Amino acid sequence: MLAYTFRRFMSMLFTLFIIATLTFFLVHALPGGPYKNPEKLTPEIKQLFDRKYGLDKPVAVQYVMYLENLLQGNLGYSFKYENQTVDEIIARSFPVSAQIGLQALLVGLPVGLLFGVLAALNRARALDYGLVFLAVLGVSIPSFVLAGFLQYIFGVKLRVLPVALWGGFEYSILPTLSLAVGVVALVTRLMRTSMLDVLGADFLRTAVAKGLSRRTVIWRHALRNALLPIVTIFGVLVVDLITGSIIIEQIFSVPGIGQHYVTSINNNDYTLVMGLTIFYSLLFVLAIFFTDIAYGLVDPRIRIAGRKE
């Protein structure tokens, strides 16, 4: 298990290095400069800013400095937000996105698991057809359409929840529901398919033949094995939710990390674009790493296959 973990860890570091390198050169290849309205800057002021951000140095030197700062956890200063570091912007906006994402996960995951199990246990019945229809509907409807619908119903017609902006807990309800519906739909479909595969396995028939009750077989054996596909997507799903949906944050004017990502691209904010891209990548790579480890613990066949490699 240690060798398996070490290989995955080294692969994670290499992936982050490639992402950091590609991000640096792609951002620097963008047309235009990092300054808004550069034509209004005098040559002296532009030279001063270039020296402040290290843009007066050759690209190769900037790249080395960029990697050195990354190793120290220093993502640099934002071009748009004066005297604010990228680290400070992330520290301020990430908790907002994380709150919405975790709330969506806490709502969507248990509901999706329940719906998936119920659909599988009632295969080809009305309940199964109804839950599958809802799951397909939830996957098919874009999140921004659902968000607009929720805003209209609860914010405009009923006036029980705020339409946008950010304040107390009530401001997070509609964004949470907009994200949770997709989670419910995805988990329901995955859990139903996995549960049906497990229910048809030979070891369950053997367990029933040995005298175990159907309830015991389902909850002690079938459910545990059926959860394996959920484990494979759980890490990425968590990170995807807690980093926030860019579209949802734009619609509800949520000051999360996704909204900063959009504005940084629109403003050619080099340091913020690179910093947020690295931050996103780090979270996703860590999620995949821990998912691999968890999957290896749950299913020994993964460790055996990794050992053969």
Protein backbone atom coordinates (compact mmCIF):
# COMPACT_ATOMS: atom_id res chain seq x y z
CA MET A 1 0.00 0.00 0.00
CA LEU A 2 2.89 2.37 0.74
CA ALA A 3 4.41 1.82 -2.72
CA TYR A 4 1.00 2.40 -4.30
CA THR A 5 0.55 5.63 -2.32
CA PHE A 6 4.06 6.85 -3.19
CA ARG A 7 3.49 6.31 -6.92
CA ARG A 8 0.22 8.21 -6.78
CA PHE A 9 1.86 11.05 -4.83
CA MET A 10 4.72 11.44 -7.31
CA SER A 11 2.22 11.38 -10.17
CA MET A 12 0.28 14.14 -8.43
CA LEU A 13 3.39 16.34 -8.10
CA PHE A 14 4.30 15.82 -11.75
CA THR A 15 0.78 16.71 -12.84
CA LEU A 16 0.86 19.92 -10.82
CA PHE A 17 4.21 20.86 -12.35
CA ILE A 18 2.85 20.38 -15.88
CA ILE A 19 -0.28 22.40 -15.08
CA ALA A 20 1.74 25.22 -13.52
CA THR A 21 4.07 25.36 -16.52
CA LEU A 22 1.27 25.31 -19.11
CA THR A 23 -0.68 27.94 -17.18
CA PHE A 24 2.30 30.30 -17.05
CA PHE A 25 3.11 30.17 -20.76
CA LEU A 26 -0.53 30.19 -21.92
CA VAL A 27 -1.34 33.26 -19.84
CA HIS A 28 1.75 35.07 -21.09
CA ALA A 29 0.79 34.19 -24.67
CA LEU A 30 -2.56 35.97 -24.38
CA PRO A 31 -2.93 39.05 -26.61
CA GLY A 32 -2.68 42.37 -24.86
CA GLY A 33 -1.03 43.12 -21.57
CA PRO A 34 -2.12 42.78 -17.95
CA TYR A 35 -2.92 46.48 -17.64
CA LYS A 36 -6.39 47.85 -18.30
CA ASN A 37 -6.25 50.79 -20.75
CA PRO A 38 -2.45 50.58 -21.19
CA GLU A 39 -2.56 53.43 -23.69
CA LYS A 40 -3.32 55.80 -20.81
CA LEU A 41 -0.11 54.86 -18.99
CA THR A 42 2.98 56.97 -19.53
CA PRO A 43 6.17 55.04 -20.35
CA GLU A 44 7.58 55.90 -16.92
CA ILE A 45 4.53 54.58 -15.02
CA LYS A 46 4.39 51.44 -17.19
CA GLN A 47 8.07 50.82 -16.50
CA LEU A 48 7.41 51.24 -12.78
CA PHE A 49 4.58 48.70 -12.85
CA ASP A 50 6.61 46.28 -14.97
CA ARG A 51 9.40 46.42 -12.40
CA LYS A 52 6.94 45.93 -9.52
CA TYR A 53 5.44 42.77 -11.06
CA GLY A 54 8.68 41.49 -12.59
CA LEU A 55 7.45 41.92 -16.15
CA ASP A 56 10.62 43.76 -17.15
CA LYS A 57 12.59 40.51 -16.96
CA PRO A 58 12.89 37.85 -19.72
CA VAL A 59 10.10 35.27 -19.78
CA ALA A 60 12.51 32.49 -18.77
CA VAL A 61 13.54 34.44 -15.67
CA GLN A 62 9.88 35.18 -14.86
CA TYR A 63 9.12 31.47 -15.13
CA VAL A 64 11.86 30.52 -12.67
CA MET A 65 10.71 33.22 -10.25
CA TYR A 66 7.13 31.99 -10.67
CA LEU A 67 8.10 28.42 -9.70
CA GLU A 68 10.15 29.65 -6.74
CA ASN A 69 7.22 31.69 -5.45
CA LEU A 70 4.87 28.73 -5.91
CA LEU A 71 7.11 26.54 -3.76
CA GLN A 72 6.90 29.21 -1.05
CA GLY A 73 3.11 29.48 -1.35
CA ASN A 74 3.39 33.01 -2.72
CA LEU A 75 0.96 33.57 -5.61
CA GLY A 76 1.84 37.23 -6.06
CA TYR A 77 -0.15 40.48 -6.15
CA SER A 78 -3.30 40.97 -8.21
CA PHE A 79 -3.18 43.50 -11.04
CA LYS A 80 -6.82 44.51 -10.59
CA TYR A 81 -7.14 44.57 -6.80
CA GLU A 82 -4.52 47.05 -5.68
CA ASN A 83 -2.22 45.92 -2.84
CA GLN A 84 -4.09 42.62 -2.47
CA THR A 85 -2.31 39.32 -2.88
CA VAL A 86 -3.86 36.37 -4.70
CA ASP A 87 -3.55 34.42 -1.44
CA GLU A 88 -5.72 37.00 0.34
CA ILE A 89 -8.34 36.93 -2.41
CA ILE A 90 -8.53 33.14 -2.26
CA ALA A 91 -8.70 33.17 1.55
CA ARG A 92 -11.60 35.64 1.39
CA SER A 93 -13.63 34.09 -1.43
CA PHE A 94 -13.03 30.36 -1.04
CA PRO A 95 -15.05 29.97 2.21
CA VAL A 96 -18.09 31.44 0.45
CA SER A 97 -17.88 28.94 -2.42
CA ALA A 98 -17.09 26.14 0.01
CA GLN A 99 -20.18 26.90 2.11
CA ILE A 100 -22.52 26.68 -0.88
CA GLY A 101 -20.80 23.59 -2.24
CA LEU A 102 -20.80 21.66 1.03
CA GLN A 103 -24.44 22.53 1.63
CA ALA A 104 -25.29 21.25 -1.85
CA LEU A 105 -23.37 18.05 -1.11
CA LEU A 106 -25.07 17.52 2.24
CA VAL A 107 -28.46 17.88 0.55
CA GLY A 108 -27.76 16.13 -2.73
CA LEU A 109 -25.68 13.10 -1.72
CA PRO A 110 -28.02 11.42 0.81
CA VAL A 111 -31.09 12.18 -1.31
CA GLY A 112 -29.39 10.80 -4.42
CA LEU A 113 -28.27 7.64 -2.60
CA LEU A 114 -31.77 7.08 -1.23
CA PHE A 115 -33.41 7.62 -4.62
CA GLY A 116 -30.91 5.32 -6.34
CA VAL A 117 -31.45 2.48 -3.87
CA LEU A 118 -35.25 2.85 -3.99
CA ALA A 119 -35.23 2.86 -7.79
CA ALA A 120 -33.10 -0.30 -7.92
CA LEU A 121 -35.19 -2.16 -5.34
CA ASN A 122 -38.37 -1.27 -7.26
CA ARG A 123 -37.06 -1.95 -10.75
CA ALA A 124 -39.59 -1.69 -13.57
CA ARG A 125 -42.24 -0.31 -11.21
CA ALA A 126 -43.86 3.10 -11.06
CA LEU A 127 -41.47 4.36 -8.38
CA ASP A 128 -38.46 3.35 -10.48
CA TYR A 129 -39.80 5.06 -13.61
CA GLY A 130 -40.64 8.20 -11.66
CA LEU A 131 -37.22 8.49 -10.00
CA VAL A 132 -35.38 7.77 -13.25
CA PHE A 133 -37.44 10.44 -15.01
CA LEU A 134 -36.60 12.98 -12.29
CA ALA A 135 -32.91 12.04 -12.48
CA VAL A 136 -32.81 12.46 -16.26
CA LEU A 137 -34.68 15.75 -15.91
CA GLY A 138 -32.22 16.97 -13.29
CA VAL A 139 -29.23 16.13 -15.47
CA SER A 140 -30.81 17.67 -18.58
CA ILE A 141 -31.77 21.06 -17.15
CA PRO A 142 -28.79 23.48 -17.18
CA SER A 143 -27.97 24.89 -13.75
CA PHE A 144 -28.41 28.48 -14.93
CA VAL A 145 -31.94 27.72 -16.16
CA LEU A 146 -32.82 26.13 -12.85
CA ALA A 147 -31.26 29.05 -10.99
CA GLY A 148 -33.38 31.55 -12.92
CA PHE A 149 -36.50 29.49 -12.27
CA LEU A 150 -35.80 29.34 -8.52
CA GLN A 151 -35.14 33.08 -8.43
CA TYR A 152 -38.44 33.79 -10.15
CA ILE A 153 -40.53 31.45 -7.95
CA PHE A 154 -39.01 32.07 -4.51
CA GLY A 155 -37.61 35.56 -4.99
CA VAL A 156 -40.07 37.32 -7.30
CA LYS A 157 -43.41 35.54 -6.95
CA LEU A 158 -43.34 34.27 -3.36
CA ARG A 159 -40.74 36.76 -2.07
CA VAL A 160 -39.57 34.42 0.67
CA LEU A 161 -35.88 34.30 -0.29
CA PRO A 162 -33.38 36.90 -1.59
CA VAL A 163 -32.81 36.81 -5.35
CA ALA A 164 -29.09 37.63 -5.24
CA LEU A 165 -26.16 39.12 -3.31
CA TRP A 166 -24.62 37.66 -0.18
CA GLY A 167 -25.49 38.06 3.48
CA GLY A 168 -26.83 35.53 5.98
CA PHE A 169 -27.73 31.88 5.56
CA GLU A 170 -30.91 32.69 3.61
CA TYR A 171 -28.78 34.07 0.75
CA SER A 172 -27.15 30.66 0.27
CA ILE A 173 -30.37 28.63 -0.04
CA LEU A 174 -31.17 29.22 -3.71
CA PRO A 175 -27.56 28.76 -4.93
CA THR A 176 -27.38 25.59 -2.84
CA LEU A 177 -30.57 24.18 -4.35
CA SER A 178 -29.38 25.08 -7.86
CA LEU A 179 -26.27 22.93 -7.34
CA ALA A 180 -27.92 20.19 -5.26
CA VAL A 181 -30.39 19.18 -7.97
CA GLY A 182 -27.54 18.16 -10.27
CA VAL A 183 -25.91 16.16 -7.47
CA VAL A 184 -29.16 14.32 -6.72
CA ALA A 185 -29.63 13.45 -10.39
CA LEU A 186 -26.06 12.23 -10.90
CA VAL A 187 -25.88 10.15 -7.71
CA THR A 188 -29.34 8.66 -8.31
CA ARG A 189 -28.39 7.37 -11.77
CA LEU A 190 -25.03 6.03 -10.62
CA MET A 191 -26.42 4.38 -7.50
CA ARG A 192 -29.32 2.78 -9.33
CA THR A 193 -27.07 1.27 -12.02
CA SER A 194 -24.51 0.06 -9.49
CA MET A 195 -27.16 -1.38 -7.18
CA LEU A 196 -28.78 -3.31 -10.03
CA ASP A 197 -25.41 -4.80 -11.00
CA VAL A 198 -24.72 -5.89 -7.43
CA LEU A 199 -28.23 -7.31 -6.90
CA GLY A 200 -27.63 -9.64 -9.84
CA ALA A 201 -24.28 -10.90 -8.52
CA ASP A 202 -23.77 -14.57 -7.61
CA PHE A 203 -22.50 -13.88 -4.09
CA LEU A 204 -25.86 -12.33 -3.15
CA ARG A 205 -27.72 -15.38 -4.37
CA THR A 206 -25.38 -17.51 -2.28
CA ALA A 207 -26.02 -15.36 0.79
CA VAL A 208 -29.78 -15.71 0.35
CA ALA A 209 -29.41 -19.47 -0.18
CA LYS A 210 -27.55 -19.70 3.14
CA GLY A 211 -30.55 -18.29 4.94
CA LEU A 212 -29.80 -14.59 5.26
CA SER A 213 -32.83 -12.33 5.06
CA ARG A 214 -33.29 -10.07 2.04
CA ARG A 215 -32.95 -6.96 4.22
CA THR A 216 -29.63 -8.19 5.67
CA VAL A 217 -28.28 -9.06 2.23
CA ILE A 218 -29.22 -5.65 0.83
CA TRP A 219 -28.00 -3.42 3.65
CA ARG A 220 -24.91 -5.38 4.75
CA HIS A 221 -23.62 -6.66 1.42
CA ALA A 222 -25.29 -5.12 -1.63
CA LEU A 223 -25.19 -1.52 -0.46
CA ARG A 224 -21.50 -1.61 0.48
CA ASN A 225 -20.44 -2.95 -2.91
CA ALA A 226 -22.80 -0.64 -4.76
CA LEU A 227 -21.12 2.39 -3.17
CA LEU A 228 -17.80 1.78 -4.95
CA PRO A 229 -18.69 3.84 -8.07
CA ILE A 230 -19.79 6.68 -5.79
CA VAL A 231 -16.38 6.57 -4.09
CA THR A 232 -14.66 7.05 -7.46
CA ILE A 233 -16.47 10.33 -8.15
CA PHE A 234 -16.84 11.56 -4.58
CA GLY A 235 -13.54 13.43 -4.34
CA VAL A 236 -13.91 15.27 -7.63
CA LEU A 237 -17.57 15.96 -6.88
CA VAL A 238 -16.69 17.53 -3.53
CA VAL A 239 -14.00 19.76 -5.04
CA ASP A 240 -16.23 20.71 -7.94
CA LEU A 241 -18.91 21.85 -5.52
CA ILE A 242 -16.78 23.60 -2.91
CA THR A 243 -14.84 25.58 -5.50
CA GLY A 244 -18.18 26.88 -6.63
CA SER A 245 -20.05 26.96 -9.89
CA ILE A 246 -18.86 29.92 -11.94
CA ILE A 247 -22.25 30.37 -13.59
CA ILE A 248 -24.22 30.05 -10.36
CA GLU A 249 -22.01 32.57 -8.60
CA GLN A 250 -22.46 35.01 -11.47
CA ILE A 251 -26.26 34.64 -11.47
CA PHE A 252 -26.62 35.08 -7.71
CA SER A 253 -23.82 37.68 -7.41
CA VAL A 254 -22.03 35.48 -4.91
CA PRO A 255 -18.53 36.81 -4.03
CA GLY A 256 -16.99 33.37 -4.38
CA ILE A 257 -13.88 32.11 -6.06
CA GLY A 258 -15.67 31.41 -9.34
CA GLN A 259 -16.70 35.04 -9.76
CA HIS A 260 -13.11 36.18 -9.21
CA TYR A 261 -11.98 33.70 -11.84
CA VAL A 262 -14.27 35.25 -14.45
CA THR A 263 -13.26 38.83 -13.64
CA SER A 264 -9.56 37.93 -13.64
CA ILE A 265 -9.86 36.55 -17.19
CA ASN A 266 -11.85 39.57 -18.39
CA ASN A 267 -9.26 41.93 -16.92
CA ASN A 268 -6.17 39.99 -18.04
CA ASP A 269 -5.13 39.76 -14.40
CA TYR A 270 -2.15 37.47 -15.01
CA THR A 271 -1.31 36.67 -11.41
CA LEU A 272 -4.91 36.07 -10.35
CA VAL A 273 -5.64 33.83 -13.36
CA MET A 274 -2.52 31.77 -12.71
CA GLY A 275 -3.08 31.65 -8.95
CA LEU A 276 -6.71 30.54 -9.20
CA THR A 277 -5.88 27.98 -11.89
CA ILE A 278 -3.16 26.49 -9.69
CA PHE A 279 -5.51 26.52 -6.69
CA TYR A 280 -8.26 24.76 -8.64
CA SER A 281 -5.77 22.24 -10.01
CA LEU A 282 -4.30 21.53 -6.58
CA LEU A 283 -7.74 20.78 -5.15
CA PHE A 284 -8.71 18.51 -8.03
CA VAL A 285 -5.40 16.63 -8.02
CA LEU A 286 -5.61 16.15 -4.24
CA ALA A 287 -9.19 14.92 -4.62
CA ILE A 288 -8.14 12.36 -7.23
CA PHE A 289 -5.16 11.31 -5.08
CA PHE A 290 -7.24 10.68 -1.97
CA THR A 291 -9.96 9.02 -4.04
CA ASP A 292 -7.37 6.60 -5.45
CA ILE A 293 -6.14 5.82 -1.93
CA ALA A 294 -9.67 5.36 -0.60
CA TYR A 295 -10.61 3.16 -3.53
CA GLY A 296 -7.49 1.07 -2.96
CA LEU A 297 -8.51 0.57 0.67
CA VAL A 298 -12.08 -0.34 -0.19
CA ASP A 299 -11.23 -2.60 -3.14
CA PRO A 300 -7.96 -4.60 -2.70
CA ARG A 301 -7.98 -5.46 -6.42
CA ILE A 302 -6.84 -1.89 -7.16
CA ARG A 303 -3.74 -2.33 -4.98
CA ILE A 304 -2.95 -5.66 -6.60
CA ALA A 305 -3.26 -4.18 -10.08
CA GLY A 306 -1.03 -1.27 -9.05
CA ARG A 307 1.57 -3.69 -7.66
CA LYS A 308 1.71 -5.56 -10.96
CA GLU A 309 2.49 -2.34 -12.76
